[in-house]
């Protein structure tokens, strides 16, 4: 059960502090699980466990880039693609390019290929190519205000990408299959 599910379930019975405490306890439990324990989780919980375990490594380092490099290859694939999916669902591809997650822009295409998300890869690559966006240099997307973000958003047909992305099978399905295939690496 995710944070917002917990909030909805317990909001009339518990205060926010208790909900956050319960979520932190859940994440701590994920960090203690063996491979056998992970194998018993349902898909939703397995994905949450992989996220918690990868995030624990990333935040243990001084910056996101160093934390990302501390992950093993399978965790890096999971982490980068998970960031793409979260950003697109929460604010669109433009948000992915504007936020610190943009560091993954040059590699997510290759990673989508590795997990078998060929339609997502094609959509991403076509968008970059069609709009002459160099994923290795997104400095033109740097912005520090909502107004500047809106200007970035209007530069390209992000709505088209975002809508097409949402019409595809969720990347989370590919990621979950990938985790199961490499469970000993998570």
N, C-alpha and C. Protein backbone atom coordinates (compact mmCIF):
# COMPACT_ATOMS: atom_id res chain seq x y z
N UNK A 1 0.86 -1.17 0.00
CA UNK A 1 0.00 0.00 0.00
C UNK A 1 0.90 1.23 0.00
N UNK A 2 0.74 2.12 -0.97
CA UNK A 2 1.55 3.32 -1.09
C UNK A 2 1.15 4.38 -0.08
N UNK A 3 1.93 5.45 -0.06
CA UNK A 3 1.71 6.54 0.89
C UNK A 3 0.31 7.10 0.79
N UNK A 4 -0.16 7.39 -0.42
CA UNK A 4 -1.46 8.01 -0.57
C UNK A 4 -2.58 7.03 -0.25
N UNK A 5 -2.36 5.75 -0.49
CA UNK A 5 -3.34 4.74 -0.09
C UNK A 5 -3.42 4.68 1.43
N UNK A 6 -2.26 4.72 2.07
CA UNK A 6 -2.24 4.75 3.52
C UNK A 6 -2.94 5.99 4.04
N UNK A 7 -2.67 7.13 3.41
CA UNK A 7 -3.28 8.38 3.84
C UNK A 7 -4.79 8.30 3.74
N UNK A 8 -5.28 7.80 2.63
CA UNK A 8 -6.72 7.68 2.42
C UNK A 8 -7.33 6.72 3.44
N UNK A 9 -6.64 5.59 3.66
CA UNK A 9 -7.16 4.57 4.56
C UNK A 9 -7.21 5.05 6.01
N UNK A 10 -6.17 5.78 6.42
CA UNK A 10 -6.05 6.14 7.82
C UNK A 10 -6.29 7.61 8.14
N UNK A 11 -6.58 8.42 7.16
CA UNK A 11 -6.65 9.86 7.41
C UNK A 11 -7.69 10.24 8.45
N UNK A 12 -8.77 9.49 8.56
CA UNK A 12 -9.76 9.83 9.58
C UNK A 12 -9.37 9.27 10.94
N UNK A 13 -8.44 8.32 10.99
CA UNK A 13 -8.07 7.66 12.24
C UNK A 13 -6.71 8.10 12.78
N UNK A 14 -5.85 8.55 11.88
CA UNK A 14 -4.48 8.85 12.28
C UNK A 14 -4.08 10.22 11.77
N UNK A 15 -3.15 10.84 12.44
CA UNK A 15 -2.65 12.10 11.93
C UNK A 15 -1.53 11.85 10.92
N UNK A 16 -1.15 12.88 10.22
CA UNK A 16 -0.15 12.78 9.15
C UNK A 16 1.17 12.22 9.67
N UNK A 17 1.55 12.60 10.85
CA UNK A 17 2.81 12.10 11.42
C UNK A 17 2.80 10.58 11.55
N UNK A 18 1.70 10.02 11.96
CA UNK A 18 1.58 8.57 12.10
C UNK A 18 1.62 7.89 10.74
N UNK A 19 1.03 8.50 9.75
CA UNK A 19 1.03 7.94 8.40
C UNK A 19 2.45 7.92 7.85
N UNK A 20 3.17 9.01 8.03
CA UNK A 20 4.55 9.08 7.56
C UNK A 20 5.40 8.05 8.30
N UNK A 21 5.19 7.91 9.60
CA UNK A 21 5.93 6.92 10.38
C UNK A 21 5.68 5.52 9.84
N UNK A 22 4.44 5.20 9.52
CA UNK A 22 4.10 3.88 8.99
C UNK A 22 4.77 3.65 7.64
N UNK A 23 4.80 4.67 6.80
CA UNK A 23 5.45 4.55 5.49
C UNK A 23 6.96 4.33 5.66
N UNK A 24 7.57 5.04 6.57
CA UNK A 24 9.00 4.88 6.82
C UNK A 24 9.31 3.48 7.37
N UNK A 25 8.45 2.96 8.21
CA UNK A 25 8.62 1.60 8.73
C UNK A 25 8.52 0.58 7.59
N UNK A 26 7.59 0.82 6.69
CA UNK A 26 7.41 -0.07 5.54
C UNK A 26 8.66 -0.07 4.67
N UNK A 27 9.20 1.12 4.40
CA UNK A 27 10.41 1.23 3.59
C UNK A 27 11.60 0.59 4.30
N UNK A 28 11.69 0.75 5.60
CA UNK A 28 12.77 0.11 6.36
C UNK A 28 12.66 -1.41 6.27
N UNK A 29 11.46 -1.93 6.29
CA UNK A 29 11.25 -3.38 6.16
C UNK A 29 11.73 -3.86 4.79
N UNK A 30 11.48 -3.06 3.75
CA UNK A 30 11.95 -3.42 2.41
C UNK A 30 13.47 -3.56 2.38
N UNK A 31 14.15 -2.69 3.11
CA UNK A 31 15.61 -2.70 3.11
C UNK A 31 16.18 -3.94 3.78
N UNK A 32 15.41 -4.57 4.65
CA UNK A 32 15.86 -5.74 5.39
C UNK A 32 15.52 -7.06 4.69
N UNK A 33 14.74 -7.01 3.64
CA UNK A 33 14.26 -8.23 2.99
C UNK A 33 15.35 -8.96 2.23
N UNK A 34 15.26 -10.26 2.30
CA UNK A 34 16.15 -11.12 1.51
C UNK A 34 15.56 -11.26 0.10
N UNK A 35 16.32 -11.86 -0.78
CA UNK A 35 15.82 -12.13 -2.13
C UNK A 35 14.58 -13.01 -2.07
N UNK A 36 14.58 -13.98 -1.18
CA UNK A 36 13.41 -14.86 -1.03
C UNK A 36 12.19 -14.06 -0.57
N UNK A 37 12.40 -13.11 0.34
CA UNK A 37 11.30 -12.26 0.80
C UNK A 37 10.77 -11.41 -0.35
N UNK A 38 11.67 -10.84 -1.12
CA UNK A 38 11.26 -10.01 -2.25
C UNK A 38 10.44 -10.84 -3.25
N UNK A 39 10.84 -12.07 -3.46
CA UNK A 39 10.16 -12.94 -4.42
C UNK A 39 8.71 -13.21 -4.04
N UNK A 40 8.38 -13.08 -2.78
CA UNK A 40 7.02 -13.34 -2.30
C UNK A 40 6.10 -12.13 -2.42
N UNK A 41 6.65 -10.96 -2.72
CA UNK A 41 5.84 -9.75 -2.79
C UNK A 41 5.00 -9.71 -4.06
N UNK A 42 3.84 -9.07 -3.99
CA UNK A 42 3.07 -8.86 -5.20
C UNK A 42 3.78 -7.79 -6.04
N UNK A 43 3.36 -7.62 -7.27
CA UNK A 43 4.04 -6.72 -8.20
C UNK A 43 4.16 -5.30 -7.66
N UNK A 44 3.10 -4.80 -7.09
CA UNK A 44 3.09 -3.42 -6.57
C UNK A 44 4.13 -3.27 -5.45
N UNK A 45 4.10 -4.19 -4.50
CA UNK A 45 5.03 -4.12 -3.38
C UNK A 45 6.47 -4.37 -3.84
N UNK A 46 6.65 -5.27 -4.81
CA UNK A 46 7.99 -5.54 -5.33
C UNK A 46 8.58 -4.27 -5.94
N UNK A 47 7.78 -3.56 -6.70
CA UNK A 47 8.24 -2.31 -7.30
C UNK A 47 8.57 -1.28 -6.22
N UNK A 48 7.73 -1.19 -5.21
CA UNK A 48 8.00 -0.26 -4.10
C UNK A 48 9.26 -0.65 -3.35
N UNK A 49 9.48 -1.94 -3.18
CA UNK A 49 10.69 -2.40 -2.50
C UNK A 49 11.93 -2.06 -3.32
N UNK A 50 11.87 -2.30 -4.63
CA UNK A 50 13.01 -1.97 -5.49
C UNK A 50 13.30 -0.47 -5.43
N UNK A 51 12.25 0.34 -5.43
CA UNK A 51 12.42 1.79 -5.36
C UNK A 51 13.06 2.19 -4.02
N UNK A 52 12.54 1.64 -2.94
CA UNK A 52 13.08 1.99 -1.61
C UNK A 52 14.54 1.58 -1.49
N UNK A 53 14.87 0.42 -1.98
CA UNK A 53 16.24 -0.08 -1.87
C UNK A 53 17.20 0.75 -2.73
N UNK A 54 16.78 1.08 -3.94
CA UNK A 54 17.62 1.91 -4.80
C UNK A 54 17.75 3.32 -4.23
N UNK A 55 16.64 3.87 -3.78
CA UNK A 55 16.65 5.24 -3.23
C UNK A 55 17.56 5.32 -2.00
N UNK A 56 17.57 4.29 -1.18
CA UNK A 56 18.43 4.29 0.00
C UNK A 56 19.90 4.40 -0.39
N UNK A 57 20.27 3.76 -1.46
CA UNK A 57 21.65 3.85 -1.94
C UNK A 57 21.94 5.24 -2.50
N UNK A 58 21.02 5.73 -3.32
CA UNK A 58 21.22 7.04 -3.96
C UNK A 58 21.35 8.14 -2.92
N UNK A 59 20.47 8.16 -1.93
CA UNK A 59 20.51 9.26 -0.95
C UNK A 59 21.64 9.11 0.06
N UNK A 60 22.30 7.96 0.07
CA UNK A 60 23.42 7.78 0.98
C UNK A 60 24.68 8.48 0.48
N UNK A 61 24.64 8.97 -0.74
CA UNK A 61 25.80 9.62 -1.34
C UNK A 61 25.60 11.14 -1.36
N UNK A 62 26.69 11.88 -1.54
CA UNK A 62 26.60 13.35 -1.48
C UNK A 62 25.71 13.98 -2.55
N UNK A 63 25.61 13.37 -3.71
CA UNK A 63 24.74 13.92 -4.74
C UNK A 63 24.11 12.80 -5.56
N UNK A 64 23.12 13.16 -6.34
CA UNK A 64 22.35 12.16 -7.09
C UNK A 64 23.21 11.40 -8.09
N UNK A 65 24.12 12.08 -8.76
CA UNK A 65 24.97 11.41 -9.75
C UNK A 65 25.84 10.35 -9.09
N UNK A 66 26.44 10.69 -7.97
CA UNK A 66 27.29 9.72 -7.26
C UNK A 66 26.44 8.56 -6.74
N UNK A 67 25.26 8.88 -6.24
CA UNK A 67 24.35 7.84 -5.75
C UNK A 67 23.92 6.91 -6.87
N UNK A 68 23.64 7.47 -8.03
CA UNK A 68 23.24 6.66 -9.18
C UNK A 68 24.37 5.73 -9.58
N UNK A 69 25.56 6.22 -9.57
CA UNK A 69 26.73 5.40 -9.94
C UNK A 69 26.98 4.29 -8.93
N UNK A 70 26.52 4.46 -7.69
CA UNK A 70 26.70 3.44 -6.66
C UNK A 70 25.73 2.26 -6.84
N UNK A 71 24.71 2.44 -7.64
CA UNK A 71 23.76 1.35 -7.91
C UNK A 71 24.39 0.33 -8.84
N UNK A 72 23.95 -0.91 -8.75
CA UNK A 72 24.41 -1.88 -9.74
C UNK A 72 23.66 -1.63 -11.06
N UNK A 73 24.07 -2.28 -12.10
CA UNK A 73 23.51 -2.00 -13.44
C UNK A 73 21.99 -2.18 -13.48
N UNK A 74 21.48 -3.24 -12.91
CA UNK A 74 20.04 -3.48 -12.93
C UNK A 74 19.29 -2.42 -12.14
N UNK A 75 19.84 -2.00 -11.02
CA UNK A 75 19.22 -0.94 -10.24
C UNK A 75 19.24 0.39 -10.99
N UNK A 76 20.33 0.66 -11.70
CA UNK A 76 20.41 1.90 -12.50
C UNK A 76 19.33 1.91 -13.58
N UNK A 77 19.17 0.78 -14.25
CA UNK A 77 18.13 0.69 -15.29
C UNK A 77 16.77 0.96 -14.67
N UNK A 78 16.48 0.28 -13.58
CA UNK A 78 15.21 0.48 -12.89
C UNK A 78 15.04 1.94 -12.47
N UNK A 79 16.04 2.48 -11.81
CA UNK A 79 15.94 3.83 -11.23
C UNK A 79 15.72 4.90 -12.29
N UNK A 80 16.48 4.84 -13.36
CA UNK A 80 16.37 5.86 -14.42
C UNK A 80 15.00 5.79 -15.10
N UNK A 81 14.56 4.59 -15.43
CA UNK A 81 13.27 4.47 -16.11
C UNK A 81 12.14 4.80 -15.16
N UNK A 82 12.26 4.42 -13.92
CA UNK A 82 11.24 4.77 -12.94
C UNK A 82 11.13 6.29 -12.80
N UNK A 83 12.27 6.98 -12.82
CA UNK A 83 12.25 8.46 -12.77
C UNK A 83 11.52 9.03 -13.99
N UNK A 84 11.82 8.49 -15.16
CA UNK A 84 11.12 8.96 -16.37
C UNK A 84 9.62 8.79 -16.21
N UNK A 85 9.20 7.60 -15.81
CA UNK A 85 7.77 7.35 -15.70
C UNK A 85 7.11 8.25 -14.66
N UNK A 86 7.74 8.41 -13.50
CA UNK A 86 7.17 9.27 -12.47
C UNK A 86 7.05 10.71 -12.95
N UNK A 87 8.08 11.20 -13.60
CA UNK A 87 8.05 12.58 -14.09
C UNK A 87 6.97 12.77 -15.16
N UNK A 88 6.89 11.84 -16.10
CA UNK A 88 5.90 11.98 -17.16
C UNK A 88 4.49 11.94 -16.58
N UNK A 89 4.23 11.03 -15.66
CA UNK A 89 2.90 10.95 -15.05
C UNK A 89 2.59 12.14 -14.14
N UNK A 90 3.61 12.76 -13.59
CA UNK A 90 3.37 13.87 -12.66
C UNK A 90 3.44 15.25 -13.28
N UNK A 91 4.17 15.40 -14.37
CA UNK A 91 4.28 16.72 -14.97
C UNK A 91 4.66 16.69 -16.43
N UNK A 92 4.85 15.52 -16.96
CA UNK A 92 5.16 15.38 -18.37
C UNK A 92 6.64 15.27 -18.66
N UNK A 93 6.92 14.98 -19.92
CA UNK A 93 8.31 14.84 -20.37
C UNK A 93 9.08 16.14 -20.14
N UNK A 94 8.42 17.26 -20.30
CA UNK A 94 9.09 18.54 -20.05
C UNK A 94 9.62 18.58 -18.62
N UNK A 95 8.84 18.11 -17.67
CA UNK A 95 9.29 18.09 -16.27
C UNK A 95 10.51 17.18 -16.12
N UNK A 96 10.53 16.07 -16.84
CA UNK A 96 11.69 15.17 -16.82
C UNK A 96 12.94 15.90 -17.30
N UNK A 97 12.79 16.72 -18.34
CA UNK A 97 13.93 17.47 -18.89
C UNK A 97 14.36 18.62 -17.99
N UNK A 98 13.44 19.21 -17.25
CA UNK A 98 13.72 20.37 -16.41
C UNK A 98 14.32 19.97 -15.06
N UNK A 99 13.84 18.89 -14.49
CA UNK A 99 14.27 18.47 -13.15
C UNK A 99 15.64 17.77 -13.19
N UNK A 100 16.14 17.44 -12.01
CA UNK A 100 17.43 16.75 -11.93
C UNK A 100 17.40 15.40 -12.63
N UNK A 101 16.21 14.87 -12.85
CA UNK A 101 16.08 13.61 -13.58
C UNK A 101 16.59 13.71 -15.00
N UNK A 102 16.80 14.91 -15.49
CA UNK A 102 17.31 15.10 -16.85
C UNK A 102 18.66 14.41 -17.06
N UNK A 103 19.36 14.14 -15.95
CA UNK A 103 20.65 13.44 -16.09
C UNK A 103 20.46 12.05 -16.71
N UNK A 104 19.24 11.52 -16.64
CA UNK A 104 18.96 10.21 -17.22
C UNK A 104 18.51 10.27 -18.68
N UNK A 105 18.28 11.46 -19.19
CA UNK A 105 17.77 11.61 -20.56
C UNK A 105 18.63 10.91 -21.61
N UNK A 106 19.96 10.97 -21.50
CA UNK A 106 20.77 10.31 -22.53
C UNK A 106 20.75 8.78 -22.47
N UNK A 107 20.32 8.19 -21.36
CA UNK A 107 20.41 6.74 -21.21
C UNK A 107 19.08 6.01 -21.18
N UNK A 108 17.98 6.72 -20.97
CA UNK A 108 16.71 6.00 -20.82
C UNK A 108 16.28 5.27 -22.09
N UNK A 109 16.65 5.77 -23.24
CA UNK A 109 16.29 5.08 -24.48
C UNK A 109 16.93 3.69 -24.52
N UNK A 110 18.21 3.64 -24.25
CA UNK A 110 18.93 2.36 -24.20
C UNK A 110 18.33 1.44 -23.14
N UNK A 111 18.01 2.02 -21.99
CA UNK A 111 17.45 1.23 -20.89
C UNK A 111 16.06 0.69 -21.24
N UNK A 112 15.25 1.49 -21.93
CA UNK A 112 13.93 1.01 -22.33
C UNK A 112 14.08 -0.18 -23.28
N UNK A 113 15.09 -0.12 -24.13
CA UNK A 113 15.37 -1.24 -25.03
C UNK A 113 15.72 -2.50 -24.23
N UNK A 114 16.52 -2.34 -23.19
CA UNK A 114 16.95 -3.48 -22.36
C UNK A 114 15.76 -4.15 -21.69
N UNK A 115 14.79 -3.37 -21.21
CA UNK A 115 13.65 -3.97 -20.51
C UNK A 115 12.53 -4.39 -21.47
N UNK A 116 12.72 -4.14 -22.76
CA UNK A 116 11.73 -4.57 -23.74
C UNK A 116 10.60 -3.59 -23.99
N UNK A 117 10.76 -2.37 -23.57
CA UNK A 117 9.72 -1.34 -23.78
C UNK A 117 9.97 -0.64 -25.11
N UNK A 118 9.85 -1.39 -26.18
CA UNK A 118 10.21 -0.88 -27.51
C UNK A 118 9.31 0.25 -27.99
N UNK A 119 8.03 0.22 -27.66
CA UNK A 119 7.14 1.30 -28.08
C UNK A 119 7.46 2.59 -27.33
N UNK A 120 7.83 2.50 -26.08
CA UNK A 120 8.23 3.67 -25.31
C UNK A 120 9.53 4.25 -25.87
N UNK A 121 10.47 3.36 -26.18
CA UNK A 121 11.74 3.79 -26.76
C UNK A 121 11.50 4.52 -28.08
N UNK A 122 10.67 3.93 -28.93
CA UNK A 122 10.38 4.54 -30.22
C UNK A 122 9.73 5.91 -30.04
N UNK A 123 8.78 6.02 -29.13
CA UNK A 123 8.11 7.29 -28.87
C UNK A 123 9.12 8.34 -28.40
N UNK A 124 9.98 7.98 -27.47
CA UNK A 124 10.98 8.89 -26.91
C UNK A 124 11.98 9.31 -27.99
N UNK A 125 12.54 8.34 -28.68
CA UNK A 125 13.54 8.64 -29.71
C UNK A 125 12.95 9.49 -30.83
N UNK A 126 11.75 9.18 -31.24
CA UNK A 126 11.09 9.95 -32.31
C UNK A 126 10.84 11.38 -31.87
N UNK A 127 10.40 11.55 -30.62
CA UNK A 127 10.16 12.90 -30.10
C UNK A 127 11.45 13.71 -30.10
N UNK A 128 12.53 13.12 -29.62
CA UNK A 128 13.81 13.83 -29.59
C UNK A 128 14.27 14.18 -31.01
N UNK A 129 14.19 13.21 -31.90
CA UNK A 129 14.65 13.42 -33.27
C UNK A 129 13.80 14.47 -33.99
N UNK A 130 12.51 14.31 -33.90
CA UNK A 130 11.58 15.22 -34.59
C UNK A 130 11.73 16.68 -34.11
N UNK A 131 12.06 16.84 -32.85
CA UNK A 131 12.16 18.18 -32.27
C UNK A 131 13.60 18.66 -32.09
N UNK A 132 14.54 17.90 -32.65
CA UNK A 132 15.96 18.26 -32.63
C UNK A 132 16.45 18.55 -31.22
N UNK A 133 16.10 17.63 -30.30
CA UNK A 133 16.52 17.75 -28.91
C UNK A 133 17.67 16.79 -28.67
N UNK A 134 18.78 17.33 -28.18
CA UNK A 134 19.95 16.52 -27.85
C UNK A 134 19.83 16.13 -26.38
N UNK A 135 19.54 14.86 -26.13
CA UNK A 135 19.34 14.39 -24.75
C UNK A 135 20.59 14.54 -23.90
N UNK A 136 21.76 14.65 -24.52
CA UNK A 136 22.99 14.80 -23.74
C UNK A 136 23.28 16.25 -23.37
N UNK A 137 22.49 17.17 -23.89
CA UNK A 137 22.65 18.58 -23.54
C UNK A 137 21.28 19.23 -23.42
N UNK A 138 20.73 19.18 -22.22
CA UNK A 138 19.42 19.78 -21.97
C UNK A 138 19.55 21.10 -21.21
N UNK A 139 20.71 21.75 -21.35
CA UNK A 139 20.93 23.01 -20.63
C UNK A 139 19.91 24.08 -21.03
N UNK A 140 19.36 23.98 -22.21
CA UNK A 140 18.36 24.97 -22.61
C UNK A 140 17.05 24.79 -21.84
N UNK A 141 16.93 23.70 -21.09
CA UNK A 141 15.73 23.46 -20.29
C UNK A 141 15.89 23.94 -18.84
N UNK A 142 17.05 24.50 -18.51
CA UNK A 142 17.25 25.01 -17.16
C UNK A 142 16.26 26.14 -16.90
N UNK A 143 15.56 26.06 -15.79
CA UNK A 143 14.63 27.13 -15.42
C UNK A 143 14.44 27.14 -13.91
N UNK A 144 14.10 28.29 -13.41
CA UNK A 144 14.01 28.46 -11.97
C UNK A 144 12.67 28.99 -11.49
N UNK A 145 11.69 29.03 -12.37
CA UNK A 145 10.38 29.53 -11.94
C UNK A 145 9.28 28.84 -12.73
N UNK A 146 8.08 28.97 -12.24
CA UNK A 146 6.93 28.38 -12.90
C UNK A 146 6.75 29.01 -14.28
N UNK A 147 6.95 30.31 -14.38
CA UNK A 147 6.81 30.99 -15.67
C UNK A 147 7.82 30.46 -16.69
N UNK A 148 9.05 30.25 -16.25
CA UNK A 148 10.06 29.72 -17.15
C UNK A 148 9.75 28.26 -17.53
N UNK A 149 9.20 27.51 -16.57
CA UNK A 149 8.79 26.14 -16.90
C UNK A 149 7.70 26.16 -17.96
N UNK A 150 6.74 27.04 -17.80
CA UNK A 150 5.65 27.15 -18.78
C UNK A 150 6.20 27.50 -20.16
N UNK A 151 7.19 28.38 -20.20
CA UNK A 151 7.82 28.73 -21.48
C UNK A 151 8.51 27.51 -22.08
N UNK A 152 9.17 26.71 -21.25
CA UNK A 152 9.81 25.48 -21.73
C UNK A 152 8.75 24.53 -22.30
N UNK A 153 7.67 24.41 -21.58
CA UNK A 153 6.60 23.50 -21.96
C UNK A 153 6.02 23.86 -23.33
N UNK A 154 5.98 25.14 -23.61
CA UNK A 154 5.38 25.60 -24.87
C UNK A 154 6.33 25.52 -26.06
N UNK A 155 7.59 25.24 -25.83
CA UNK A 155 8.58 25.16 -26.92
C UNK A 155 8.36 23.96 -27.83
N UNK A 156 7.84 22.88 -27.28
CA UNK A 156 7.70 21.63 -28.03
C UNK A 156 6.32 21.03 -27.78
N UNK A 157 5.89 20.10 -28.61
CA UNK A 157 4.56 19.48 -28.44
C UNK A 157 4.56 18.40 -27.35
N UNK A 158 4.83 18.82 -26.13
CA UNK A 158 4.92 17.86 -25.02
C UNK A 158 3.60 17.15 -24.76
N UNK A 159 2.48 17.85 -24.97
CA UNK A 159 1.19 17.20 -24.75
C UNK A 159 1.03 15.97 -25.63
N UNK A 160 1.47 16.07 -26.87
CA UNK A 160 1.38 14.93 -27.78
C UNK A 160 2.17 13.75 -27.22
N UNK A 161 3.39 14.01 -26.80
CA UNK A 161 4.21 12.94 -26.23
C UNK A 161 3.55 12.36 -24.98
N UNK A 162 3.17 13.23 -24.07
CA UNK A 162 2.61 12.78 -22.80
C UNK A 162 1.35 11.95 -23.00
N UNK A 163 0.48 12.38 -23.89
CA UNK A 163 -0.75 11.63 -24.16
C UNK A 163 -0.43 10.27 -24.78
N UNK A 164 0.49 10.25 -25.74
CA UNK A 164 0.88 8.98 -26.37
C UNK A 164 1.53 8.05 -25.34
N UNK A 165 2.35 8.61 -24.47
CA UNK A 165 3.00 7.83 -23.41
C UNK A 165 1.95 7.17 -22.52
N UNK A 166 0.95 7.94 -22.14
CA UNK A 166 -0.09 7.42 -21.25
C UNK A 166 -0.97 6.38 -21.93
N UNK A 167 -0.99 6.38 -23.24
CA UNK A 167 -1.76 5.37 -23.98
C UNK A 167 -1.03 4.04 -24.08
N UNK A 168 0.26 4.05 -23.82
CA UNK A 168 1.05 2.81 -23.88
C UNK A 168 0.91 2.02 -22.58
N UNK A 169 1.28 0.75 -22.64
CA UNK A 169 1.33 -0.06 -21.43
C UNK A 169 2.27 0.63 -20.43
N UNK A 170 1.91 0.69 -19.17
CA UNK A 170 2.78 1.37 -18.20
C UNK A 170 4.19 0.76 -18.17
N UNK A 171 5.17 1.64 -18.12
CA UNK A 171 6.55 1.17 -17.99
C UNK A 171 6.73 0.31 -16.75
N UNK A 172 5.93 0.58 -15.73
CA UNK A 172 6.02 -0.17 -14.49
C UNK A 172 5.85 -1.67 -14.73
N UNK A 173 5.03 -2.05 -15.70
CA UNK A 173 4.86 -3.48 -16.02
C UNK A 173 6.17 -4.08 -16.53
N UNK A 174 6.86 -3.34 -17.38
CA UNK A 174 8.15 -3.81 -17.90
C UNK A 174 9.19 -3.85 -16.77
N UNK A 175 9.15 -2.83 -15.92
CA UNK A 175 10.10 -2.77 -14.81
C UNK A 175 9.89 -3.91 -13.83
N UNK A 176 8.64 -4.22 -13.54
CA UNK A 176 8.36 -5.32 -12.61
C UNK A 176 8.86 -6.64 -13.18
N UNK A 177 8.63 -6.88 -14.45
CA UNK A 177 9.15 -8.10 -15.09
C UNK A 177 10.68 -8.12 -15.04
N UNK A 178 11.29 -6.96 -15.24
CA UNK A 178 12.75 -6.85 -15.20
C UNK A 178 13.26 -7.15 -13.79
N UNK A 179 12.59 -6.62 -12.77
CA UNK A 179 12.99 -6.89 -11.38
C UNK A 179 12.92 -8.39 -11.11
N UNK A 180 11.81 -9.01 -11.50
CA UNK A 180 11.64 -10.46 -11.27
C UNK A 180 12.73 -11.26 -11.96
N UNK A 181 13.10 -10.85 -13.15
CA UNK A 181 14.13 -11.55 -13.91
C UNK A 181 15.51 -11.43 -13.26
N UNK A 182 15.72 -10.32 -12.55
CA UNK A 182 17.03 -10.04 -11.93
C UNK A 182 16.88 -9.81 -10.42
N UNK A 183 15.98 -10.52 -9.80
CA UNK A 183 15.63 -10.25 -8.40
C UNK A 183 16.82 -10.29 -7.45
N UNK A 184 17.79 -11.12 -7.76
CA UNK A 184 18.97 -11.21 -6.88
C UNK A 184 19.84 -9.96 -6.95
N UNK A 185 19.56 -9.06 -7.88
CA UNK A 185 20.32 -7.82 -8.03
C UNK A 185 19.62 -6.64 -7.34
N UNK A 186 18.46 -6.90 -6.79
CA UNK A 186 17.72 -5.83 -6.12
C UNK A 186 17.73 -6.02 -4.61
